[in-house]
Amino acid sequence: MTTTAIDHAPLARAAALFPTALWNDSADPDELRRSIAFGAVGATCNPVIAYTAIKNRPDVWGPRLRELADEHPTWGESQLGWQAVRELSIAAAAQLLPAFEASGERNGRLSIQTDPRLHRDRDALVAQAEEFSQLAPNIIVKIPATATGIAALEEAAYRGVSINATLSFTVAQAVAVGEALERALDRRAAEGLAEQEFGHVVTIMGGRLDDWLKTWTAKNRILVTPGTLDWAGVAALKRAHQIFTERGFRSRILSAAFRNSLHWSELLGGDLVISPPFDWQARINENDLQAADRIQVPVAPEILHELLSLSEFTRAYEPQGMSPEEFADFGASRNTLRQFLDADAQLDALVRDVLVPAA
């Protein structure tokens, strides 16, 4: 399809009308370049996305992995694969540097995620976050919103790392992270550390919450009105944004894990970040979806009432719905962490296939 001015209308209208920031849910350089043309001012990445971006460009990353192996003859598959992730992230960060400078360092951020295999080790997460934060001036580091991860991200933020909380699906997780980032900022101020714009964001993976509730209701043989569960992530994101606004948190909510167009249209208008995959951005433009201020429009009462009849949704929706000790065991958390860990293993295998191809 030939891109025209009319194709850009919905995303361009939203950018002109609202403080809502568009980020691209990938560090793939070609997709990011096209997304920036649509108005994107940031990008997110995770192990699945990074692995896919590297796998999809064997012409680029095959030769580069062989070069890295020659440069570092004692490195194993994981070290080589993660160096490719670093280089992918550095290149994407360079594409976003103009937006970083134009926004006073609030946007123009490239997210790089800490190694999911470190999810149980607070000190290792902090150390890797500090290392990643030095890759480029506009790097923002993803740390999981578990009890261990929240302790790590608070310490890393105190040390000057820009944070994007990930592995996060619930209002309780978002609020716990928002509070931790406030403590980190207050500690810095109390100690007279340099003030700066960190651009902290707190992700809720709304579509993955929808996915988990569909799995949970099926396991429990609960029938739900068709379409109702597609509103679960939207409801959680709206509530989290409302709480952040009311409490004056200095971080922003970020919507990720797109599953339907509601994850864009229902969140416009607020000071938050929406991070769709590039294909969703293209479809929004191609279908000329309406860009309207709907962040404060409540989910329809009958839909919210039915959602709240599900105990698992209530856990996700209420600010005190679960304790930090429960975050890692939430179904969406376990399933997503397993996907991230699988992507790490797949990246190792990709490096192995490049360096030791089958005879």
Protein backbone atom coordinates (compact mmCIF):
# COMPACT_ATOMS: atom_id res chain seq x y z
CA MET A 1 0.00 0.00 0.00
CA THR A 2 1.30 3.47 -0.91
CA THR A 3 1.54 5.74 2.12
CA THR A 4 -0.31 9.04 1.64
CA ALA A 5 -1.14 12.00 3.84
CA ILE A 6 -4.61 10.58 4.50
CA ASP A 7 -3.07 7.30 5.75
CA HIS A 8 -1.32 9.24 8.49
CA ALA A 9 -4.48 11.05 9.62
CA PRO A 10 -5.53 9.18 12.80
CA LEU A 11 -2.09 8.98 14.40
CA ALA A 12 -1.21 12.50 13.27
CA ARG A 13 -4.52 13.87 14.61
CA ALA A 14 -3.91 12.19 17.95
CA ALA A 15 -0.38 13.61 18.15
CA ALA A 16 -1.65 17.11 17.38
CA LEU A 17 -4.61 17.01 19.76
CA PHE A 18 -3.42 15.18 22.86
CA PRO A 19 -0.42 14.79 25.18
CA THR A 20 -0.66 11.02 24.59
CA ALA A 21 2.69 9.82 23.22
CA LEU A 22 3.01 7.16 20.52
CA TRP A 23 5.88 4.70 20.89
CA ASN A 24 6.70 1.77 18.60
CA ASP A 25 6.62 -1.70 20.10
CA SER A 26 9.83 -2.83 18.41
CA ALA A 27 13.45 -1.76 17.93
CA ASP A 28 13.50 -3.11 14.36
CA PRO A 29 15.17 -0.23 12.44
CA ASP A 30 12.90 -0.32 9.40
CA GLU A 31 9.70 -0.49 11.43
CA LEU A 32 10.93 2.22 13.77
CA ARG A 33 11.80 4.52 10.87
CA ARG A 34 8.28 4.13 9.46
CA SER A 35 6.72 4.54 12.89
CA ILE A 36 8.62 7.78 13.47
CA ALA A 37 7.08 9.02 10.22
CA PHE A 38 3.69 8.26 11.79
CA GLY A 39 4.63 10.37 14.82
CA ALA A 40 6.26 7.85 17.16
CA VAL A 41 8.54 9.42 19.79
CA GLY A 42 9.84 6.31 21.52
CA ALA A 43 10.19 2.55 21.25
CA THR A 44 9.96 -0.46 23.51
CA CYS A 45 11.64 -3.81 23.24
CA ASN A 46 11.65 -7.13 25.10
CA PRO A 47 13.39 -10.50 24.62
CA VAL A 48 10.71 -11.77 22.21
CA ILE A 49 10.84 -8.58 20.12
CA ALA A 50 14.65 -8.47 20.12
CA TYR A 51 14.93 -12.11 19.09
CA THR A 52 12.41 -11.55 16.27
CA ALA A 53 14.21 -8.45 15.00
CA ILE A 54 17.55 -10.30 14.90
CA LYS A 55 16.06 -13.47 13.38
CA ASN A 56 14.29 -11.51 10.64
CA ARG A 57 17.56 -9.94 9.39
CA PRO A 58 19.98 -12.85 8.88
CA ASP A 59 21.77 -10.79 6.23
CA VAL A 60 22.73 -8.27 8.92
CA TRP A 61 23.05 -10.30 12.09
CA GLY A 62 24.57 -13.49 10.71
CA PRO A 63 27.79 -11.76 9.62
CA ARG A 64 27.79 -9.53 12.70
CA LEU A 65 27.49 -12.50 15.09
CA ARG A 66 30.41 -14.19 13.33
CA GLU A 67 32.43 -10.98 13.69
CA LEU A 68 31.58 -10.79 17.39
CA ALA A 69 32.63 -14.41 17.85
CA ASP A 70 35.99 -13.64 16.23
CA GLU A 71 36.43 -10.53 18.39
CA HIS A 72 35.51 -12.40 21.59
CA PRO A 73 36.69 -16.00 21.16
CA THR A 74 35.80 -17.00 24.74
CA TRP A 75 32.23 -15.68 24.71
CA GLY A 76 29.38 -18.15 24.82
CA GLU A 77 26.12 -18.05 22.88
CA SER A 78 24.30 -15.96 25.47
CA GLN A 79 27.02 -13.32 25.67
CA LEU A 80 27.10 -13.00 21.88
CA GLY A 81 23.33 -12.86 21.58
CA TRP A 82 22.99 -10.18 24.24
CA GLN A 83 25.71 -8.13 22.58
CA ALA A 84 23.57 -8.19 19.43
CA VAL A 85 20.64 -6.96 21.53
CA ARG A 86 22.82 -4.13 22.85
CA GLU A 87 23.83 -3.11 19.34
CA LEU A 88 20.24 -3.30 18.08
CA SER A 89 19.19 -1.04 20.96
CA ILE A 90 22.01 1.47 20.42
CA ALA A 91 21.05 1.83 16.75
CA ALA A 92 17.37 2.31 17.61
CA ALA A 93 18.25 4.84 20.31
CA ALA A 94 20.12 6.89 17.68
CA GLN A 95 16.98 7.02 15.54
CA LEU A 96 15.07 8.45 18.49
CA LEU A 97 17.64 10.99 19.61
CA PRO A 98 15.94 13.94 17.83
CA ALA A 99 12.69 13.26 19.69
CA PHE A 100 14.65 12.88 22.94
CA GLU A 101 16.21 16.31 22.53
CA ALA A 102 13.01 17.97 21.27
CA SER A 103 10.97 16.71 24.24
CA GLY A 104 13.40 17.82 26.91
CA GLU A 105 14.41 14.15 27.37
CA ARG A 106 10.91 12.99 28.32
CA ASN A 107 10.30 11.05 25.11
CA GLY A 108 12.67 9.77 22.45
CA ARG A 109 13.44 6.81 24.71
CA LEU A 110 14.50 3.32 23.64
CA SER A 111 13.61 0.56 26.10
CA ILE A 112 16.01 -2.33 26.59
CA GLN A 113 14.92 -5.13 28.91
CA THR A 114 17.08 -6.74 31.57
CA ASP A 115 17.85 -10.41 31.08
CA PRO A 116 14.76 -12.34 32.27
CA ARG A 117 17.04 -15.02 33.73
CA LEU A 118 17.98 -12.47 36.41
CA HIS A 119 14.39 -12.04 37.61
CA ARG A 120 15.11 -13.46 41.09
CA ASP A 121 18.30 -11.45 41.72
CA ARG A 122 17.79 -7.83 42.81
CA ASP A 123 21.46 -6.87 42.77
CA ALA A 124 22.07 -8.42 39.34
CA LEU A 125 19.07 -6.52 37.93
CA VAL A 126 20.38 -3.24 39.35
CA ALA A 127 23.88 -3.86 37.98
CA GLN A 128 22.62 -4.72 34.50
CA ALA A 129 20.25 -1.74 34.51
CA GLU A 130 23.14 0.58 35.29
CA GLU A 131 25.23 -0.97 32.53
CA PHE A 132 22.44 -0.74 29.96
CA SER A 133 21.71 2.88 30.92
CA GLN A 134 25.20 3.81 29.70
CA LEU A 135 24.64 2.49 26.16
CA ALA A 136 23.06 5.75 24.97
CA PRO A 137 21.78 8.94 26.63
CA ASN A 138 18.16 8.08 25.80
CA ILE A 139 18.08 4.47 27.02
CA ILE A 140 15.28 3.48 29.39
CA VAL A 141 15.65 0.11 31.14
CA LYS A 142 12.91 -2.45 31.64
CA ILE A 143 12.78 -4.25 35.00
CA PRO A 144 9.96 -6.64 35.98
CA ALA A 145 7.19 -5.43 38.30
CA THR A 146 7.59 -8.25 40.83
CA ALA A 147 8.53 -7.81 44.50
CA THR A 148 12.20 -8.42 43.62
CA GLY A 149 12.00 -6.30 40.48
CA ILE A 150 10.34 -3.35 42.22
CA ALA A 151 13.09 -3.31 44.85
CA ALA A 152 15.62 -3.37 41.99
CA LEU A 153 13.99 -0.64 39.94
CA GLU A 154 13.68 1.65 42.97
CA GLU A 155 17.39 1.30 43.66
CA ALA A 156 18.31 1.67 39.98
CA ALA A 157 16.14 4.80 39.65
CA TYR A 158 17.80 6.25 42.75
CA ARG A 159 21.16 5.64 41.06
CA GLY A 160 20.04 7.58 37.98
CA VAL A 161 18.62 4.93 35.65
CA SER A 162 15.51 5.74 33.62
CA ILE A 163 12.95 3.00 34.26
CA ASN A 164 10.24 1.21 32.31
CA ALA A 165 8.50 -1.34 34.55
CA THR A 166 7.57 -4.48 32.62
CA LEU A 167 5.99 -7.88 33.31
CA SER A 168 3.14 -5.74 34.61
CA PHE A 169 -0.57 -6.40 34.06
CA THR A 170 -2.47 -4.98 37.01
CA VAL A 171 -3.37 -1.73 38.72
CA ALA A 172 -1.77 -2.98 41.95
CA GLN A 173 1.56 -3.52 40.16
CA ALA A 174 1.43 -0.12 38.48
CA VAL A 175 0.68 1.68 41.75
CA ALA A 176 3.45 -0.19 43.60
CA VAL A 177 5.92 0.80 40.88
CA GLY A 178 4.69 4.40 40.83
CA GLU A 179 5.21 4.63 44.59
CA ALA A 180 8.68 3.08 44.33
CA LEU A 181 9.73 5.59 41.67
CA GLU A 182 8.45 8.44 43.84
CA ARG A 183 10.58 7.16 46.72
CA ALA A 184 13.61 6.99 44.44
CA LEU A 185 13.08 10.56 43.21
CA ASP A 186 12.56 11.81 46.76
CA ARG A 187 15.77 10.07 47.92
CA ARG A 188 17.70 11.75 45.14
CA ALA A 189 16.28 15.16 46.06
CA ALA A 190 16.99 14.65 49.77
CA GLU A 191 20.63 13.87 48.99
CA GLY A 192 21.03 16.79 46.61
CA LEU A 193 21.61 14.59 43.57
CA ALA A 194 21.28 16.17 40.15
CA GLU A 195 17.74 16.83 39.00
CA GLN A 196 16.95 15.52 35.55
CA GLU A 197 14.10 14.29 33.37
CA PHE A 198 14.10 10.51 33.69
CA GLY A 199 11.03 9.85 31.55
CA HIS A 200 10.02 6.94 33.82
CA VAL A 201 7.10 4.88 32.49
CA VAL A 202 5.05 2.13 34.10
CA THR A 203 3.74 -0.47 31.69
CA ILE A 204 0.47 -2.35 31.89
CA MET A 205 0.37 -5.09 29.26
CA GLY A 206 -3.36 -4.74 28.73
CA GLY A 207 -3.71 -7.32 25.98
CA ARG A 208 -1.91 -9.94 28.03
CA LEU A 209 -4.33 -9.28 30.88
CA ASP A 210 -7.14 -9.94 28.39
CA ASP A 211 -5.38 -13.13 27.28
CA TRP A 212 -5.00 -14.41 30.83
CA LEU A 213 -8.63 -13.72 31.76
CA LYS A 214 -9.77 -15.62 28.66
CA THR A 215 -7.60 -18.55 29.74
CA TRP A 216 -8.75 -18.29 33.36
CA THR A 217 -12.47 -18.15 32.53
CA ALA A 218 -12.10 -21.11 30.16
CA LYS A 219 -10.27 -23.16 32.82
CA ASN A 220 -13.00 -22.34 35.32
CA ARG A 221 -15.80 -23.00 32.80
CA ILE A 222 -17.17 -19.47 33.22
CA LEU A 223 -19.22 -18.09 30.36
CA VAL A 224 -18.76 -14.38 29.70
CA THR A 225 -20.65 -12.15 27.28
CA PRO A 226 -18.68 -12.17 24.01
CA GLY A 227 -16.41 -9.16 23.80
CA THR A 228 -16.46 -8.32 27.51
CA LEU A 229 -12.97 -9.60 28.21
CA ASP A 230 -11.58 -7.38 25.44
CA TRP A 231 -12.27 -4.45 27.80
CA ALA A 232 -10.33 -5.81 30.79
CA GLY A 233 -6.96 -4.30 29.91
CA VAL A 234 -8.61 -1.02 28.90
CA ALA A 235 -10.38 -0.82 32.26
CA ALA A 236 -7.15 -1.49 34.18
CA LEU A 237 -5.22 1.07 32.14
CA LYS A 238 -7.89 3.75 32.60
CA ARG A 239 -7.96 3.18 36.35
CA ALA A 240 -4.18 3.19 36.71
CA HIS A 241 -3.92 6.43 34.71
CA GLN A 242 -6.60 8.01 36.92
CA ILE A 243 -4.72 7.03 40.10
CA PHE A 244 -1.39 8.29 38.74
CA THR A 245 -3.04 11.62 37.86
CA GLU A 246 -4.79 11.98 41.22
CA ARG A 247 -1.63 11.16 43.20
CA GLY A 248 0.64 13.33 41.07
CA PHE A 249 3.08 10.53 40.25
CA ARG A 250 5.99 11.74 38.15
CA SER A 251 5.95 8.64 35.97
CA ARG A 252 3.53 7.84 33.14
CA ILE A 253 1.43 4.80 32.41
CA LEU A 254 2.42 2.93 29.25
CA SER A 255 -0.06 0.72 27.37
CA ALA A 256 1.49 -2.34 25.70
CA ALA A 257 0.53 -5.77 24.33
CA PHE A 258 -2.06 -4.72 21.76
CA ARG A 259 -4.89 -7.11 20.99
CA ASN A 260 -7.53 -4.77 19.54
CA SER A 261 -8.03 -1.16 18.50
CA LEU A 262 -9.57 -0.27 21.88
CA HIS A 263 -6.04 -0.30 23.26
CA TRP A 264 -5.47 2.85 21.20
CA SER A 265 -8.83 4.58 20.85
CA GLU A 266 -9.95 4.25 24.49
CA LEU A 267 -6.71 5.63 25.95
CA LEU A 268 -6.25 8.80 23.92
CA GLY A 269 -6.34 12.16 25.66
CA GLY A 270 -4.24 11.50 28.74
CA ASP A 271 -0.60 12.12 29.52
CA LEU A 272 0.45 8.54 28.96
CA VAL A 273 2.26 6.40 26.38
CA ILE A 274 0.62 4.04 23.90
CA SER A 275 3.02 1.53 22.35
CA PRO A 276 1.47 -0.55 19.55
CA PRO A 277 3.38 -2.85 17.21
CA PHE A 278 3.98 -1.17 13.87
CA ASP A 279 1.37 -3.30 12.10
CA TRP A 280 -1.31 -2.01 14.48
CA GLN A 281 -0.24 1.56 13.73
CA ALA A 282 -0.56 0.89 10.01
CA ARG A 283 -4.02 -0.64 10.46
CA ILE A 284 -5.20 2.30 12.58
CA ASN A 285 -4.17 4.66 9.80
CA GLU A 286 -5.51 2.49 7.00
CA ASN A 287 -8.93 2.30 8.68
CA ASP A 288 -8.99 6.00 9.55
CA LEU A 289 -10.01 5.36 13.15
CA GLN A 290 -11.40 8.29 15.09
CA ALA A 291 -8.96 10.09 17.37
CA ALA A 292 -11.04 11.32 20.32
CA ASP A 293 -10.36 12.15 23.96
CA ARG A 294 -11.63 9.02 25.74
CA ILE A 295 -9.18 8.35 28.56
CA GLN A 296 -11.63 9.64 31.17
CA VAL A 297 -14.70 8.04 29.59
CA PRO A 298 -15.57 5.12 31.89
CA VAL A 299 -15.95 1.61 30.60
CA ALA A 300 -19.67 0.95 30.13
CA PRO A 301 -21.25 0.06 33.52
CA GLU A 302 -22.67 -3.24 32.30
CA ILE A 303 -19.27 -4.33 30.99
CA LEU A 304 -17.42 -3.27 34.14
CA HIS A 305 -20.07 -4.95 36.33
CA GLU A 306 -19.60 -8.25 34.50
CA LEU A 307 -15.80 -7.95 34.68
CA LEU A 308 -15.96 -7.30 38.42
CA SER A 309 -18.00 -10.46 38.87
CA LEU A 310 -14.75 -12.30 37.99
CA SER A 311 -12.49 -12.57 41.03
CA GLU A 312 -9.37 -12.71 38.86
CA PHE A 313 -10.27 -9.40 37.19
CA THR A 314 -10.97 -7.81 40.57
CA ARG A 315 -7.44 -8.77 41.65
CA ALA A 316 -6.11 -6.99 38.56
CA TYR A 317 -8.37 -3.93 38.80
CA GLU A 318 -8.25 -2.96 42.46
CA PRO A 319 -5.20 -0.97 43.67
CA GLN A 320 -4.93 -3.35 46.64
CA GLY A 321 -6.05 -6.38 44.63
CA MET A 322 -2.87 -8.30 45.36
CA SER A 323 0.28 -7.86 47.40
CA PRO A 324 3.75 -7.44 45.85
CA GLU A 325 4.55 -10.98 46.95
CA GLU A 326 1.72 -12.19 44.69
CA PHE A 327 2.79 -10.29 41.57
CA ALA A 328 5.18 -12.95 40.24
CA ASP A 329 2.61 -15.70 40.64
CA PHE A 330 -0.21 -13.94 38.77
CA GLY A 331 -1.11 -16.05 35.73
CA ALA A 332 -0.20 -13.39 33.17
CA SER A 333 3.13 -12.87 34.91
CA ARG A 334 4.06 -16.54 34.84
CA ASN A 335 3.02 -17.02 31.22
CA THR A 336 4.82 -13.90 30.02
CA LEU A 337 8.00 -14.63 31.97
CA ARG A 338 8.08 -18.09 30.41
CA GLN A 339 7.82 -16.48 26.95
CA PHE A 340 10.67 -14.12 27.76
CA LEU A 341 12.81 -17.00 29.03
CA ASP A 342 11.95 -19.04 25.92
CA ALA A 343 13.03 -16.11 23.74
CA ASP A 344 16.38 -16.07 25.54
CA ALA A 345 16.80 -19.77 24.76
CA GLN A 346 15.79 -19.18 21.13
CA LEU A 347 18.36 -16.40 20.82
CA ASP A 348 21.02 -18.79 22.14
CA ALA A 349 19.93 -21.34 19.53
CA LEU A 350 20.03 -18.73 16.76
CA VAL A 351 23.63 -17.85 17.68
CA ARG A 352 24.49 -21.57 17.78
CA ASP A 353 23.06 -22.08 14.30
CA VAL A 354 25.10 -19.17 12.94
CA LEU A 355 28.38 -20.28 14.54
CA VAL A 356 27.97 -24.05 14.32
CA PRO A 357 25.67 -24.78 11.37
CA ALA A 358 24.51 -28.33 10.92
CA ALA A 359 26.71 -30.43 8.62
